Amino acid sequence: MNAGIFNRSLISLSALLVSAVIWHALYLLDAVRERTEALIDSVKVLKSFFDANAVMMGIVELDGNEIIHRADNPAAARFLGKTSDEMRGLTASELGVPPHIVQAWVNQCHESIRQGKAVRAEYARPYVSDVLEPNHVIRLTISFIGMSSCQRSLFSFIKEDLTDLVRGAVPLEAEILRKRQLTDTPR
């Protein structure tokens, strides 16, 4: 009789233990599901910001003296007459970027690593496709963000086309100079 009570107690204890393990597993699965949903929501928000932004931005990878495009938003792709998907995995040279511009980007990447922060430079961007007019003035900000799975340096970039601002500044500066000359002239 004692053996029967012991066996029933052991079975009850085992069932209770299995129930506790199942309950805990379901609790953990629910927590994982909630975190996964939160992560998916965060990714959606970031993707929406990235894709809808008018500022040219993306992620590039440094491979020796070449820049490989990993992710470009539509604004950056349009600037080169491409789509984001068409640019993915291509080098800047394959996209028709002149060697001196590629080298300028490479130099900025190295400078970002050296300084440990985002770095900014401006350069004239010559004609490449039907989308571009000659000599766009570009402000480039590059920031080191980590290493790729291939152990290459990854960088985020923001490009601003300052062409209209610069073109507008030249006549504005001439007008300011003309007015100064008019007001500084003795009568």
C-alpha atoms as a PDB file:
ATOM      1  CA  MET A   1       0.000   0.000   0.000  1.00  0.00           C
ATOM      2  CA  ASN A   2       2.790   2.363   0.779  1.00  0.00           C
ATOM      3  CA  ALA A   3       4.280   1.630  -2.624  1.00  0.00           C
ATOM      4  CA  GLY A   4       0.950   2.557  -4.303  1.00  0.00           C
ATOM      5  CA  ILE A   5       0.729   5.879  -2.465  1.00  0.00           C
ATOM      6  CA  PHE A   6       4.352   6.568  -3.283  1.00  0.00           C
ATOM      7  CA  ASN A   7       3.781   5.796  -6.995  1.00  0.00           C
ATOM      8  CA  ARG A   8       0.638   7.990  -7.119  1.00  0.00           C
ATOM      9  CA  SER A   9       2.518  10.793  -5.364  1.00  0.00           C
ATOM     10  CA  LEU A  10       5.417  10.407  -7.765  1.00  0.00           C
ATOM     11  CA  ILE A  11       3.033  10.501 -10.742  1.00  0.00           C
ATOM     12  CA  SER A  12       1.260  13.576  -9.306  1.00  0.00           C
ATOM     13  CA  LEU A  13       4.580  15.266  -8.652  1.00  0.00           C
ATOM     14  CA  SER A  14       5.781  14.415 -12.177  1.00  0.00           C
ATOM     15  CA  ALA A  15       2.564  15.767 -13.699  1.00  0.00           C
ATOM     16  CA  LEU A  16       2.897  18.933 -11.631  1.00  0.00           C
ATOM     17  CA  LEU A  17       6.519  19.311 -12.702  1.00  0.00           C
ATOM     18  CA  VAL A  18       5.647  18.757 -16.394  1.00  0.00           C
ATOM     19  CA  SER A  19       2.823  21.308 -16.090  1.00  0.00           C
ATOM     20  CA  ALA A  20       5.223  23.847 -14.558  1.00  0.00           C
ATOM     21  CA  VAL A  21       7.774  23.256 -17.332  1.00  0.00           C
ATOM     22  CA  ILE A  22       5.097  23.615 -20.018  1.00  0.00           C
ATOM     23  CA  TRP A  23       3.718  26.777 -18.385  1.00  0.00           C
ATOM     24  CA  HIS A  24       7.236  28.254 -18.173  1.00  0.00           C
ATOM     25  CA  ALA A  25       7.962  27.349 -21.810  1.00  0.00           C
ATOM     26  CA  LEU A  26       4.710  29.001 -22.923  1.00  0.00           C
ATOM     27  CA  TYR A  27       5.603  32.067 -20.854  1.00  0.00           C
ATOM     28  CA  LEU A  28       9.038  32.246 -22.516  1.00  0.00           C
ATOM     29  CA  LEU A  29       7.531  31.749 -25.978  1.00  0.00           C
ATOM     30  CA  ASP A  30       5.080  34.570 -25.316  1.00  0.00           C
ATOM     31  CA  ALA A  31       7.929  36.842 -24.214  1.00  0.00           C
ATOM     32  CA  VAL A  32       9.923  35.934 -27.346  1.00  0.00           C
ATOM     33  CA  ARG A  33       6.848  36.600 -29.515  1.00  0.00           C
ATOM     34  CA  GLU A  34       6.352  40.026 -27.893  1.00  0.00           C
ATOM     35  CA  ARG A  35      10.010  40.945 -28.360  1.00  0.00           C
ATOM     36  CA  THR A  36       9.958  39.707 -31.951  1.00  0.00           C
ATOM     37  CA  GLU A  37       6.878  41.807 -32.701  1.00  0.00           C
ATOM     38  CA  ALA A  38       8.523  44.849 -31.097  1.00  0.00           C
ATOM     39  CA  LEU A  39      11.667  44.265 -33.166  1.00  0.00           C
ATOM     40  CA  ILE A  40       9.619  43.912 -36.363  1.00  0.00           C
ATOM     41  CA  ASP A  41       7.795  47.156 -35.543  1.00  0.00           C
ATOM     42  CA  SER A  42      11.130  48.915 -34.957  1.00  0.00           C
ATOM     43  CA  VAL A  43      12.500  47.625 -38.257  1.00  0.00           C
ATOM     44  CA  LYS A  44       9.363  48.834 -40.056  1.00  0.00           C
ATOM     45  CA  VAL A  45       9.758  52.314 -38.555  1.00  0.00           C
ATOM     46  CA  LEU A  46      13.449  52.477 -39.495  1.00  0.00           C
ATOM     47  CA  LYS A  47      12.756  51.182 -43.017  1.00  0.00           C
ATOM     48  CA  SER A  48       9.996  53.752 -43.469  1.00  0.00           C
ATOM     49  CA  PHE A  49      12.335  56.543 -42.315  1.00  0.00           C
ATOM     50  CA  PHE A  50      15.130  55.253 -44.574  1.00  0.00           C
ATOM     51  CA  ASP A  51      12.969  54.772 -47.683  1.00  0.00           C
ATOM     52  CA  ALA A  52      10.820  57.910 -47.417  1.00  0.00           C
ATOM     53  CA  ASN A  53      13.621  60.340 -46.593  1.00  0.00           C
ATOM     54  CA  ALA A  54      14.556  62.875 -49.284  1.00  0.00           C
ATOM     55  CA  VAL A  55      18.124  62.987 -47.984  1.00  0.00           C
ATOM     56  CA  MET A  56      20.454  60.568 -49.770  1.00  0.00           C
ATOM     57  CA  MET A  57      21.670  57.950 -47.303  1.00  0.00           C
ATOM     58  CA  GLY A  58      22.836  54.401 -47.077  1.00  0.00           C
ATOM     59  CA  ILE A  59      25.304  51.802 -45.855  1.00  0.00           C
ATOM     60  CA  VAL A  60      28.565  51.045 -47.649  1.00  0.00           C
ATOM     61  CA  GLU A  61      31.360  48.584 -47.052  1.00  0.00           C
ATOM     62  CA  LEU A  62      35.050  49.355 -47.525  1.00  0.00           C
ATOM     63  CA  ASP A  63      36.955  46.715 -49.503  1.00  0.00           C
ATOM     64  CA  GLY A  64      40.526  47.889 -49.961  1.00  0.00           C
ATOM     65  CA  ASN A  65      40.290  50.949 -52.208  1.00  0.00           C
ATOM     66  CA  GLU A  66      36.726  50.265 -53.288  1.00  0.00           C
ATOM     67  CA  ILE A  67      33.322  51.131 -51.869  1.00  0.00           C
ATOM     68  CA  ILE A  68      30.613  48.447 -52.010  1.00  0.00           C
ATOM     69  CA  HIS A  69      27.017  49.618 -51.702  1.00  0.00           C
ATOM     70  CA  ARG A  70      25.063  47.475 -49.213  1.00  0.00           C
ATOM     71  CA  ALA A  71      21.910  49.557 -48.797  1.00  0.00           C
ATOM     72  CA  ASP A  72      20.943  52.842 -50.432  1.00  0.00           C
ATOM     73  CA  ASN A  73      17.684  54.654 -49.953  1.00  0.00           C
ATOM     74  CA  PRO A  74      15.657  55.600 -53.051  1.00  0.00           C
ATOM     75  CA  ALA A  75      16.946  59.206 -52.996  1.00  0.00           C
ATOM     76  CA  ALA A  76      20.580  58.034 -53.168  1.00  0.00           C
ATOM     77  CA  ALA A  77      19.741  55.532 -55.913  1.00  0.00           C
ATOM     78  CA  ARG A  78      17.846  58.134 -57.984  1.00  0.00           C
ATOM     79  CA  PHE A  79      20.879  60.400 -57.846  1.00  0.00           C
ATOM     80  CA  LEU A  80      22.735  57.772 -59.897  1.00  0.00           C
ATOM     81  CA  GLY A  81      19.746  56.886 -62.062  1.00  0.00           C
ATOM     82  CA  LYS A  82      19.309  53.491 -60.368  1.00  0.00           C
ATOM     83  CA  THR A  83      16.993  51.749 -57.939  1.00  0.00           C
ATOM     84  CA  SER A  84      18.091  50.679 -54.475  1.00  0.00           C
ATOM     85  CA  ASP A  85      17.945  47.032 -55.534  1.00  0.00           C
ATOM     86  CA  GLU A  86      20.087  47.673 -58.624  1.00  0.00           C
ATOM     87  CA  MET A  87      22.808  49.250 -56.483  1.00  0.00           C
ATOM     88  CA  ARG A  88      22.975  46.561 -53.789  1.00  0.00           C
ATOM     89  CA  GLY A  89      26.321  44.757 -53.887  1.00  0.00           C
ATOM     90  CA  LEU A  90      27.820  46.903 -56.643  1.00  0.00           C
ATOM     91  CA  THR A  91      31.029  48.831 -56.233  1.00  0.00           C
ATOM     92  CA  ALA A  92      31.093  52.566 -56.712  1.00  0.00           C
ATOM     93  CA  SER A  93      33.242  51.994 -59.817  1.00  0.00           C
ATOM     94  CA  GLU A  94      30.631  49.631 -61.263  1.00  0.00           C
ATOM     95  CA  LEU A  95      28.078  52.390 -60.713  1.00  0.00           C
ATOM     96  CA  GLY A  96      30.162  54.762 -62.849  1.00  0.00           C
ATOM     97  CA  VAL A  97      31.644  56.832 -60.048  1.00  0.00           C
ATOM     98  CA  PRO A  98      34.955  58.380 -61.175  1.00  0.00           C
ATOM     99  CA  PRO A  99      38.108  57.034 -59.467  1.00  0.00           C
ATOM    100  CA  HIS A 100      38.951  60.332 -57.731  1.00  0.00           C
ATOM    101  CA  ILE A 101      35.490  60.409 -56.116  1.00  0.00           C
ATOM    102  CA  VAL A 102      35.834  56.766 -55.011  1.00  0.00           C
ATOM    103  CA  GLN A 103      39.214  57.661 -53.492  1.00  0.00           C
ATOM    104  CA  ALA A 104      37.658  60.672 -51.718  1.00  0.00           C
ATOM    105  CA  TRP A 105      35.080  58.328 -50.136  1.00  0.00           C
ATOM    106  CA  VAL A 106      37.781  55.815 -49.160  1.00  0.00           C
ATOM    107  CA  ASN A 107      39.807  58.617 -47.552  1.00  0.00           C
ATOM    108  CA  GLN A 108      36.738  59.795 -45.608  1.00  0.00           C
ATOM    109  CA  CYS A 109      36.101  56.226 -44.416  1.00  0.00           C
ATOM    110  CA  HIS A 110      39.646  55.951 -43.082  1.00  0.00           C
ATOM    111  CA  GLU A 111      39.352  59.379 -41.467  1.00  0.00           C
ATOM    112  CA  SER A 112      36.114  58.360 -39.718  1.00  0.00           C
ATOM    113  CA  ILE A 113      37.823  55.290 -38.248  1.00  0.00           C
ATOM    114  CA  ARG A 114      40.863  57.366 -37.230  1.00  0.00           C
ATOM    115  CA  GLN A 115      38.792  60.082 -35.528  1.00  0.00           C
ATOM    116  CA  GLY A 116      36.205  57.702 -34.095  1.00  0.00           C
ATOM    117  CA  LYS A 117      33.333  59.904 -35.281  1.00  0.00           C
ATOM    118  CA  ALA A 118      31.420  61.060 -38.334  1.00  0.00           C
ATOM    119  CA  VAL A 119      33.443  63.133 -40.788  1.00  0.00           C
ATOM    120  CA  ARG A 120      32.251  65.566 -43.435  1.00  0.00           C
ATOM    121  CA  ALA A 121      33.689  66.697 -46.759  1.00  0.00           C
ATOM    122  CA  GLU A 122      32.474  68.502 -49.859  1.00  0.00           C
ATOM    123  CA  TYR A 123      33.404  67.720 -53.435  1.00  0.00           C
ATOM    124  CA  ALA A 124      32.318  68.463 -56.994  1.00  0.00           C
ATOM    125  CA  ARG A 125      30.555  65.515 -58.591  1.00  0.00           C
ATOM    126  CA  PRO A 126      30.910  65.369 -62.388  1.00  0.00           C
ATOM    127  CA  TYR A 127      28.314  64.170 -64.848  1.00  0.00           C
ATOM    128  CA  VAL A 128      27.680  60.396 -64.681  1.00  0.00           C
ATOM    129  CA  SER A 129      24.175  59.705 -65.976  1.00  0.00           C
ATOM    130  CA  ASP A 130      21.224  61.455 -67.567  1.00  0.00           C
ATOM    131  CA  VAL A 131      20.035  62.296 -64.066  1.00  0.00           C
ATOM    132  CA  LEU A 132      23.020  64.470 -63.181  1.00  0.00           C
ATOM    133  CA  GLU A 133      23.993  67.846 -64.483  1.00  0.00           C
ATOM    134  CA  PRO A 134      27.708  68.622 -64.628  1.00  0.00           C
ATOM    135  CA  ASN A 135      29.478  69.518 -61.396  1.00  0.00           C
ATOM    136  CA  HIS A 136      27.063  68.875 -58.609  1.00  0.00           C
ATOM    137  CA  VAL A 137      28.420  70.043 -55.277  1.00  0.00           C
ATOM    138  CA  ILE A 138      28.050  67.250 -52.743  1.00  0.00           C
ATOM    139  CA  ARG A 139      28.440  67.313 -48.969  1.00  0.00           C
ATOM    140  CA  LEU A 140      29.293  63.825 -47.737  1.00  0.00           C
ATOM    141  CA  THR A 141      29.078  62.730 -44.113  1.00  0.00           C
ATOM    142  CA  ILE A 142      30.475  59.265 -43.365  1.00  0.00           C
ATOM    143  CA  SER A 143      30.488  57.411 -40.055  1.00  0.00           C
ATOM    144  CA  PHE A 144      32.048  54.062 -39.148  1.00  0.00           C
ATOM    145  CA  ILE A 145      29.349  51.750 -37.737  1.00  0.00           C
ATOM    146  CA  GLY A 146      31.083  48.389 -37.302  1.00  0.00           C
ATOM    147  CA  MET A 147      32.338  45.323 -39.115  1.00  0.00           C
ATOM    148  CA  SER A 148      30.482  43.223 -41.690  1.00  0.00           C
ATOM    149  CA  SER A 149      30.222  39.445 -41.542  1.00  0.00           C
ATOM    150  CA  CYS A 150      33.196  39.435 -43.974  1.00  0.00           C
ATOM    151  CA  GLN A 151      35.198  41.491 -41.431  1.00  0.00           C
ATOM    152  CA  ARG A 152      35.133  44.591 -43.633  1.00  0.00           C
ATOM    153  CA  SER A 153      34.428  48.054 -42.241  1.00  0.00           C
ATOM    154  CA  LEU A 154      30.826  49.278 -42.588  1.00  0.00           C
ATOM    155  CA  PHE A 155      29.874  52.942 -42.820  1.00  0.00           C
ATOM    156  CA  SER A 156      26.671  54.921 -42.883  1.00  0.00           C
ATOM    157  CA  PHE A 157      26.601  57.880 -45.228  1.00  0.00           C
ATOM    158  CA  ILE A 158      24.497  60.944 -45.848  1.00  0.00           C
ATOM    159  CA  LYS A 159      24.922  62.897 -49.085  1.00  0.00           C
ATOM    160  CA  GLU A 160      23.503  66.346 -49.583  1.00  0.00           C
ATOM    161  CA  ASP A 161      23.338  67.955 -53.018  1.00  0.00           C
ATOM    162  CA  LEU A 162      24.359  71.576 -52.394  1.00  0.00           C
ATOM    163  CA  THR A 163      24.384  72.533 -56.076  1.00  0.00           C
ATOM    164  CA  ASP A 164      21.348  74.835 -55.969  1.00  0.00           C
ATOM    165  CA  LEU A 165      22.551  76.423 -52.746  1.00  0.00           C
ATOM    166  CA  VAL A 166      26.023  77.076 -54.178  1.00  0.00           C
ATOM    167  CA  ARG A 167      24.660  78.366 -57.490  1.00  0.00           C
ATOM    168  CA  GLY A 168      22.320  80.667 -55.591  1.00  0.00           C
ATOM    169  CA  ALA A 169      25.131  81.855 -53.326  1.00  0.00           C
ATOM    170  CA  VAL A 170      27.300  83.162 -56.178  1.00  0.00           C
ATOM    171  CA  PRO A 171      24.715  85.709 -57.418  1.00  0.00           C
ATOM    172  CA  LEU A 172      23.860  86.551 -53.805  1.00  0.00           C
ATOM    173  CA  GLU A 173      27.513  87.252 -52.965  1.00  0.00           C
ATOM    174  CA  ALA A 174      27.838  89.417 -56.098  1.00  0.00           C
ATOM    175  CA  GLU A 175      24.733  91.383 -55.083  1.00  0.00           C
ATOM    176  CA  ILE A 176      26.057  91.880 -51.534  1.00  0.00           C
ATOM    177  CA  LEU A 177      29.391  93.083 -52.922  1.00  0.00           C
ATOM    178  CA  ARG A 178      27.614  95.468 -55.329  1.00  0.00           C
ATOM    179  CA  LYS A 179      25.528  96.951 -52.477  1.00  0.00           C
ATOM    180  CA  ARG A 180      28.617  97.320 -50.275  1.00  0.00           C
ATOM    181  CA  GLN A 181      30.374  99.153 -53.067  1.00  0.00           C
ATOM    182  CA  LEU A 182      27.379 101.466 -53.498  1.00  0.00           C
ATOM    183  CA  THR A 183      27.156 102.264 -49.806  1.00  0.00           C
ATOM    184  CA  ASP A 184      30.936 102.537 -49.248  1.00  0.00           C
ATOM    185  CA  THR A 185      31.467 104.947 -52.160  1.00  0.00           C
ATOM    186  CA  PRO A 186      32.125 108.504 -50.862  1.00  0.00           C
ATOM    187  CA  ARG A 187      29.772 111.160 -52.214  1.00  0.00           C
END
